[in-house]
Amino acid sequence: MPDHSPDHSLALVLAGGAALGAYQGGVYEVLHGAGMLPDWVAGGSAGAVNGALIVGCPPAERVARLRGYWRPGVTQAADGGPIDDWRRSMAVLTSIVTGRVDLFGPRNLMIPAWPFGNTEPPSLFDTTPLDAALAEIVDWDMLNSGHPRFTATTVDVDTGEDVIFDSTRMQLTPQHVRASGAMLPAFPPVEIEGRLFGDAGISANLPLDTVLEESDGERRLVIAVDLLPPMAPRPRTLTEVASRLQDLNFAMQSRRAIAGWQRLFAERLRGPDAGNVGAVTLIHLIYADQQREVVGKAFDFSPATIRDRWDRGARDAAEMLASLADGRIVIAEKPGLHVHQIALTR
């Protein structure tokens, strides 16, 4: 297993995907076990929640904290088939009807907010329970200490501006993380200091920009964990078409962002500031093995499914580390952006 070498920094970039974020828990568990502790964690939506859990507690407690939040089951999910599809679909329906007690709950849109609920803009669910959960399980003084650095991304609902919440520039609170996951219209936008913020995925579900923008003169390994696959079996029903559309919307964001950064790095290497260009190795790790997932998968918080995603994240991370160890992936010393994609399927 490769150790985190002092001659390069390690940034962990975590995409959004609601309940799919359990995959990132498995990835982090393997990285942690290999001694690869990040210097910087940047996340959007569910990735911001995972990032806060990682940065906002002592290293020895991080994996346990992630497990406590995601609550993977003791037993594995069945190996596909109609019964498992039914189980997963019922879990999605249950979440839509009842929510998850420490994350979100249904909102009554027919009754004025006060005194029956919060006063945030209309949405299908109330996400204020997430504030309370994050306030309890994250050490915000530790998170705001600046090391590891923590960044959550979001979008200004009024202006469409991409906004970065960064622990080295401001004091972050649970509301900043909740704003990063305010998936309209399911979840309400979150108001902070007079501005209204929505989910990072509106603009960039995988928040690579904030890490790659600050790479001058750096030798850095960036591990970007994406949750929506660019490739999948052909959809057969109308609901599968709708689900595939959502996957593609987010996956294409990542593809375009990486291609754009490759062009920018290449242009800079030909320009007058070539000597300032950093040596960045980007490993784009994608949760690609989703054949057992069902329509509405982002709302399947069932313990068996969470365990399945966690285990798949651990398996894929172990393969990534094996690639680093045997030289299939090399942490670059030469300036530029060096991209490797890992998207494992059965």
Protein backbone atom coordinates (compact mmCIF):
# COMPACT_ATOMS: atom_id res chain seq x y z
CA MET A 1 0.00 0.00 0.00
CA PRO A 2 1.36 3.46 -0.85
CA ASP A 3 1.88 5.83 2.03
CA HIS A 4 0.94 9.48 1.86
CA SER A 5 4.34 10.89 0.91
CA PRO A 6 5.41 14.27 2.32
CA ASP A 7 6.60 15.36 -1.13
CA HIS A 8 3.04 15.76 -2.38
CA SER A 9 -0.24 16.86 -0.88
CA LEU A 10 -3.45 14.84 -0.98
CA ALA A 11 -6.83 16.34 -1.82
CA LEU A 12 -10.05 14.36 -1.58
CA VAL A 13 -12.92 15.63 -3.74
CA LEU A 14 -16.35 14.17 -2.98
CA ALA A 15 -19.37 14.44 -5.26
CA GLY A 16 -23.03 14.64 -4.30
CA GLY A 17 -25.55 11.84 -4.65
CA ALA A 18 -27.67 11.68 -1.45
CA ALA A 19 -27.76 8.06 -0.21
CA LEU A 20 -25.18 7.02 -2.81
CA GLY A 21 -22.68 8.87 -0.60
CA ALA A 22 -22.22 5.66 1.43
CA TYR A 23 -19.88 4.55 -1.37
CA GLN A 24 -17.52 7.36 -0.34
CA GLY A 25 -17.50 6.03 3.21
CA GLY A 26 -16.07 2.75 1.96
CA VAL A 27 -13.50 4.59 -0.15
CA TYR A 28 -12.36 6.65 2.81
CA GLU A 29 -12.12 3.62 5.10
CA VAL A 30 -9.58 2.02 2.74
CA LEU A 31 -7.61 5.24 2.27
CA HIS A 32 -7.52 5.73 6.04
CA GLY A 33 -6.32 2.20 6.59
CA ALA A 34 -3.47 2.83 4.13
CA GLY A 35 -2.39 5.96 5.98
CA MET A 36 -3.53 8.26 3.16
CA LEU A 37 -5.04 11.06 5.21
CA PRO A 38 -6.13 14.10 3.15
CA ASP A 39 -4.71 17.59 3.56
CA TRP A 40 -7.81 19.02 1.92
CA VAL A 41 -11.36 17.70 1.56
CA ALA A 42 -13.73 19.42 -0.88
CA GLY A 43 -17.30 18.25 -1.16
CA GLY A 44 -20.63 19.06 -2.69
CA SER A 45 -24.01 17.99 -1.32
CA ALA A 46 -23.63 14.49 0.22
CA GLY A 47 -19.90 14.84 -0.40
CA ALA A 48 -19.90 17.95 1.78
CA VAL A 49 -21.57 15.99 4.58
CA ASN A 50 -18.96 13.24 4.31
CA GLY A 51 -16.23 15.85 4.18
CA ALA A 52 -17.47 17.51 7.36
CA LEU A 53 -17.57 14.14 9.12
CA ILE A 54 -13.98 13.43 8.05
CA VAL A 55 -12.47 16.82 8.86
CA GLY A 56 -14.55 17.54 11.93
CA CYS A 57 -13.28 14.76 14.17
CA PRO A 58 -9.94 13.26 15.27
CA PRO A 59 -8.38 10.97 12.65
CA ALA A 60 -8.75 7.87 14.82
CA GLU A 61 -12.52 8.41 14.98
CA ARG A 62 -13.25 9.25 11.35
CA VAL A 63 -14.24 5.83 10.04
CA ALA A 64 -16.45 5.16 13.06
CA ARG A 65 -18.08 8.57 12.62
CA LEU A 66 -18.83 7.85 8.96
CA ARG A 67 -20.24 4.43 9.85
CA GLY A 68 -22.37 5.96 12.57
CA TYR A 69 -23.85 8.41 10.11
CA TRP A 70 -24.49 5.98 7.25
CA ARG A 71 -25.34 2.93 9.39
CA PRO A 72 -24.44 0.13 6.97
CA GLY A 73 -26.22 -3.14 7.69
CA VAL A 74 -24.61 -6.20 9.22
CA THR A 75 -25.67 -8.44 6.35
CA GLN A 76 -25.07 -7.82 2.66
CA ALA A 77 -27.85 -7.16 0.18
CA ALA A 78 -29.05 -10.06 -1.96
CA ASP A 79 -27.22 -10.46 -5.23
CA GLY A 80 -29.81 -8.74 -7.40
CA GLY A 81 -33.04 -10.23 -8.73
CA PRO A 82 -36.72 -9.28 -8.44
CA ILE A 83 -36.90 -9.65 -4.65
CA ASP A 84 -33.94 -7.35 -4.09
CA ASP A 85 -35.33 -4.86 -6.64
CA TRP A 86 -38.61 -4.84 -4.72
CA ARG A 87 -36.80 -4.35 -1.39
CA ARG A 88 -34.82 -1.42 -2.75
CA SER A 89 -37.87 0.17 -4.36
CA MET A 90 -39.82 -0.11 -1.10
CA ALA A 91 -36.91 1.57 0.71
CA VAL A 92 -37.06 4.45 -1.77
CA LEU A 93 -40.81 4.78 -1.28
CA THR A 94 -40.44 4.70 2.50
CA SER A 95 -37.90 7.54 2.41
CA ILE A 96 -40.13 9.61 0.16
CA VAL A 97 -43.12 9.13 2.45
CA THR A 98 -41.45 9.33 5.88
CA GLY A 99 -37.94 10.74 5.29
CA ARG A 100 -35.01 9.76 7.49
CA VAL A 101 -35.34 10.99 11.02
CA ASP A 102 -31.91 12.64 11.41
CA LEU A 103 -31.69 14.04 7.88
CA PHE A 104 -35.02 15.15 6.47
CA GLY A 105 -38.76 14.69 6.84
CA PRO A 106 -41.88 15.44 4.80
CA ARG A 107 -43.22 18.97 4.80
CA ASN A 108 -46.89 19.92 4.74
CA LEU A 109 -47.21 22.36 1.84
CA MET A 110 -50.89 22.99 2.49
CA ILE A 111 -50.41 24.61 5.91
CA PRO A 112 -48.60 27.92 6.52
CA ALA A 113 -45.14 27.31 7.96
CA TRP A 114 -45.66 28.99 11.31
CA PRO A 115 -46.22 27.47 13.85
CA PHE A 116 -46.28 24.07 12.19
CA GLY A 117 -42.81 24.06 10.63
CA ASN A 118 -39.88 26.16 9.48
CA THR A 119 -40.14 29.34 7.44
CA GLU A 120 -37.79 28.36 4.63
CA PRO A 121 -38.93 28.52 0.97
CA PRO A 122 -41.28 25.78 -0.26
CA SER A 123 -39.93 22.26 -0.68
CA LEU A 124 -41.08 18.67 -0.41
CA PHE A 125 -38.96 17.95 2.66
CA ASP A 126 -37.71 19.73 5.77
CA THR A 127 -33.93 19.37 6.16
CA THR A 128 -33.50 21.19 9.48
CA PRO A 129 -32.98 17.81 11.23
CA LEU A 130 -29.64 17.65 9.39
CA ASP A 131 -28.55 20.85 11.15
CA ALA A 132 -29.10 19.24 14.54
CA ALA A 133 -27.36 16.02 13.52
CA LEU A 134 -24.29 17.82 12.17
CA ALA A 135 -24.10 20.08 15.21
CA GLU A 136 -23.92 16.98 17.39
CA ILE A 137 -21.56 14.70 15.45
CA VAL A 138 -19.11 17.23 13.96
CA ASP A 139 -16.53 19.11 16.03
CA TRP A 140 -16.87 22.51 14.37
CA ASP A 141 -13.90 24.02 16.18
CA MET A 142 -11.73 21.26 14.76
CA LEU A 143 -13.25 21.62 11.30
CA ASN A 144 -12.65 25.37 11.34
CA SER A 145 -9.04 25.00 12.46
CA GLY A 146 -7.99 24.86 8.79
CA HIS A 147 -6.16 21.52 8.79
CA PRO A 148 -7.21 19.48 7.09
CA ARG A 149 -8.75 22.17 4.96
CA PHE A 150 -12.46 21.76 4.29
CA THR A 151 -14.41 23.23 1.41
CA ALA A 152 -18.13 22.93 0.63
CA THR A 153 -19.58 24.25 -2.61
CA THR A 154 -23.02 25.64 -3.36
CA VAL A 155 -24.94 27.90 -5.75
CA ASP A 156 -26.56 31.29 -5.07
CA VAL A 157 -30.21 30.72 -6.00
CA ASP A 158 -30.82 34.40 -6.82
CA THR A 159 -27.77 35.04 -9.02
CA GLY A 160 -26.67 31.58 -10.18
CA GLU A 161 -23.17 32.28 -8.84
CA ASP A 162 -20.97 29.39 -7.74
CA VAL A 163 -20.06 29.94 -4.08
CA ILE A 164 -17.30 28.35 -2.02
CA PHE A 165 -17.46 27.90 1.74
CA ASP A 166 -13.88 27.34 2.93
CA SER A 167 -12.58 26.69 6.44
CA THR A 168 -9.43 28.73 5.80
CA ARG A 169 -11.47 31.85 4.95
CA MET A 170 -14.55 31.77 7.16
CA GLN A 171 -16.18 30.10 10.13
CA LEU A 172 -18.37 27.27 8.87
CA THR A 173 -21.53 25.96 10.54
CA PRO A 174 -23.96 23.11 9.91
CA GLN A 175 -26.01 25.51 7.76
CA HIS A 176 -23.17 25.84 5.26
CA VAL A 177 -23.07 22.07 4.76
CA ARG A 178 -26.86 21.82 4.57
CA ALA A 179 -26.87 24.58 1.94
CA SER A 180 -24.46 22.55 -0.18
CA GLY A 181 -27.04 19.73 -0.22
CA ALA A 182 -30.18 21.81 -0.75
CA MET A 183 -31.42 19.78 -3.71
CA LEU A 184 -34.28 21.84 -5.17
CA PRO A 185 -37.24 21.34 -5.05
CA ALA A 186 -36.99 18.28 -2.79
CA PHE A 187 -34.99 20.22 -0.18
CA PRO A 188 -35.37 23.93 0.59
CA PRO A 189 -32.66 26.46 -0.27
CA VAL A 190 -30.84 27.67 2.84
CA GLU A 191 -30.48 31.35 3.73
CA ILE A 192 -27.13 32.45 5.17
CA GLU A 193 -26.37 36.13 5.81
CA GLY A 194 -29.16 37.26 3.52
CA ARG A 195 -28.21 35.02 0.57
CA LEU A 196 -30.15 31.95 -0.54
CA PHE A 197 -28.14 28.85 -1.46
CA GLY A 198 -28.95 25.63 -3.28
CA ASP A 199 -27.35 22.29 -4.03
CA ALA A 200 -23.82 22.19 -5.46
CA GLY A 201 -25.00 19.78 -8.16
CA ILE A 202 -26.97 22.55 -9.85
CA SER A 203 -23.64 23.69 -11.25
CA ALA A 204 -20.84 21.22 -10.41
CA ASN A 205 -21.74 18.03 -8.59
CA LEU A 206 -18.05 17.08 -8.36
CA PRO A 207 -16.32 20.23 -7.02
CA LEU A 208 -12.99 19.89 -8.79
CA ASP A 209 -12.60 23.55 -9.70
CA THR A 210 -11.83 24.77 -6.20
CA VAL A 211 -8.94 22.28 -5.83
CA LEU A 212 -7.47 22.59 -9.33
CA GLU A 213 -7.60 26.39 -9.27
CA GLU A 214 -5.10 26.40 -6.40
CA SER A 215 -2.45 24.05 -7.76
CA ASP A 216 0.34 26.41 -8.87
CA GLY A 217 3.73 25.09 -7.86
CA GLU A 218 2.13 22.11 -6.10
CA ARG A 219 2.79 18.42 -6.47
CA ARG A 220 -0.63 17.07 -5.59
CA LEU A 221 -2.60 13.86 -5.74
CA VAL A 222 -6.31 14.49 -6.17
CA ILE A 223 -8.71 11.60 -5.57
CA ALA A 224 -12.13 12.59 -6.90
CA VAL A 225 -14.95 10.22 -5.94
CA ASP A 226 -17.93 10.48 -8.28
CA LEU A 227 -21.29 8.83 -7.61
CA LEU A 228 -23.14 8.94 -10.94
CA PRO A 229 -21.89 6.76 -13.82
CA PRO A 230 -21.36 8.06 -17.37
CA MET A 231 -22.05 4.59 -18.78
CA ALA A 232 -24.88 2.20 -17.94
CA PRO A 233 -27.12 -0.44 -19.55
CA ARG A 234 -29.74 0.90 -21.95
CA PRO A 235 -32.92 1.97 -20.08
CA ARG A 236 -36.02 -0.11 -20.77
CA THR A 237 -38.84 1.86 -19.12
CA LEU A 238 -39.88 5.49 -18.86
CA THR A 239 -38.78 5.69 -15.21
CA GLU A 240 -35.40 4.17 -16.13
CA VAL A 241 -35.04 6.79 -18.86
CA ALA A 242 -35.69 9.55 -16.31
CA SER A 243 -33.16 8.03 -13.91
CA ARG A 244 -30.58 7.69 -16.65
CA LEU A 245 -31.11 11.34 -17.62
CA GLN A 246 -30.25 12.42 -14.09
CA ASP A 247 -27.11 10.27 -14.07
CA LEU A 248 -25.97 11.72 -17.39
CA ASN A 249 -26.62 15.31 -16.33
CA PHE A 250 -24.22 14.94 -13.41
CA ALA A 251 -21.71 12.62 -15.11
CA MET A 252 -21.36 14.97 -18.08
CA GLN A 253 -20.63 17.86 -15.70
CA SER A 254 -17.60 15.94 -14.45
CA ARG A 255 -16.47 14.91 -17.92
CA ARG A 256 -16.64 18.47 -19.25
CA ALA A 257 -14.90 19.89 -16.18
CA ILE A 258 -11.99 17.47 -16.43
CA ALA A 259 -11.62 18.02 -20.17
CA GLY A 260 -11.66 21.79 -19.63
CA TRP A 261 -8.97 21.61 -16.96
CA GLN A 262 -6.82 19.40 -19.17
CA ARG A 263 -6.99 22.04 -21.91
CA LEU A 264 -6.22 24.84 -19.45
CA PHE A 265 -3.18 23.06 -18.00
CA ALA A 266 -1.91 22.31 -21.52
CA GLU A 267 -2.32 25.95 -22.56
CA ARG A 268 -0.51 27.20 -19.47
CA LEU A 269 2.39 24.82 -20.09
CA ARG A 270 2.83 26.53 -23.47
CA GLY A 271 2.59 30.01 -22.00
CA PRO A 272 4.87 32.42 -20.12
CA ASP A 273 3.93 31.09 -16.65
CA ALA A 274 4.75 27.46 -17.48
CA GLY A 275 7.21 27.37 -14.59
CA ASN A 276 4.40 27.92 -12.10
CA VAL A 277 2.21 25.04 -13.29
CA GLY A 278 1.81 22.34 -10.68
CA ALA A 279 2.19 18.59 -11.12
CA VAL A 280 -1.30 17.29 -10.42
CA THR A 281 -2.31 13.65 -10.60
CA LEU A 282 -6.09 13.29 -10.74
CA ILE A 283 -7.64 9.88 -10.05
CA HIS A 284 -11.30 10.00 -11.04
CA LEU A 285 -12.91 7.14 -9.11
CA ILE A 286 -16.48 6.48 -10.24
CA TYR A 287 -19.19 4.39 -8.57
CA ALA A 288 -19.87 2.59 -11.84
CA ASP A 289 -21.15 -0.81 -10.69
CA GLN A 290 -24.79 0.21 -10.27
CA GLN A 291 -26.67 -2.56 -12.01
CA ARG A 292 -28.40 -3.47 -8.75
CA GLU A 293 -29.56 0.09 -8.08
CA VAL A 294 -33.20 1.01 -8.76
CA VAL A 295 -35.03 4.14 -9.89
CA GLY A 296 -34.93 6.65 -7.03
CA LYS A 297 -31.70 5.11 -5.73
CA ALA A 298 -30.60 8.38 -4.10
CA PHE A 299 -33.40 7.90 -1.55
CA ASP A 300 -32.60 4.27 -0.68
CA PHE A 301 -31.13 4.55 2.82
CA SER A 302 -31.87 0.92 3.74
CA PRO A 303 -29.07 -0.70 5.78
CA ALA A 304 -28.53 -3.53 3.29
CA THR A 305 -28.14 -1.14 0.36
CA ILE A 306 -25.91 1.20 2.35
CA ARG A 307 -23.70 -1.80 3.22
CA ASP A 308 -23.58 -2.80 -0.46
CA ARG A 309 -22.46 0.68 -1.54
CA TRP A 310 -19.94 0.95 1.29
CA ASP A 311 -18.42 -2.41 0.33
CA ARG A 312 -18.21 -1.46 -3.34
CA GLY A 313 -16.46 1.77 -2.44
CA ALA A 314 -13.95 -0.18 -0.36
CA ARG A 315 -13.38 -2.66 -3.20
CA ASP A 316 -12.82 0.09 -5.78
CA ALA A 317 -10.51 2.02 -3.46
CA ALA A 318 -8.46 -1.12 -2.85
CA GLU A 319 -8.06 -1.54 -6.61
CA MET A 320 -6.99 2.09 -6.90
CA LEU A 321 -4.34 1.61 -4.23
CA ALA A 322 -3.15 -1.55 -5.96
CA SER A 323 -2.74 0.47 -9.17
CA LEU A 324 -0.65 3.03 -7.27
CA ALA A 325 1.43 0.31 -5.66
CA ASP A 326 2.26 -1.62 -8.84
CA GLY A 327 2.91 1.41 -11.01
CA ARG A 328 -0.19 1.35 -13.20
CA ILE A 329 -0.86 4.79 -11.76
CA VAL A 330 2.15 6.98 -10.98
CA ILE A 331 1.99 10.20 -8.98
CA ALA A 332 3.40 12.61 -11.53
CA GLU A 333 6.45 14.78 -10.98
CA LYS A 334 6.17 16.48 -14.36
CA PRO A 335 4.03 19.66 -14.42
CA GLY A 336 0.57 19.28 -15.90
CA LEU A 337 -2.71 17.56 -15.16
CA HIS A 338 -2.37 13.79 -15.37
CA VAL A 339 -5.78 12.06 -15.34
CA HIS A 340 -6.59 8.44 -14.53
CA GLN A 341 -10.12 7.06 -14.44
CA ILE A 342 -11.24 4.02 -12.46
CA ALA A 343 -14.79 2.84 -13.16
CA LEU A 344 -15.06 -0.80 -12.14
CA THR A 345 -17.99 -3.01 -13.06
CA ARG A 346 -18.49 -6.71 -12.64
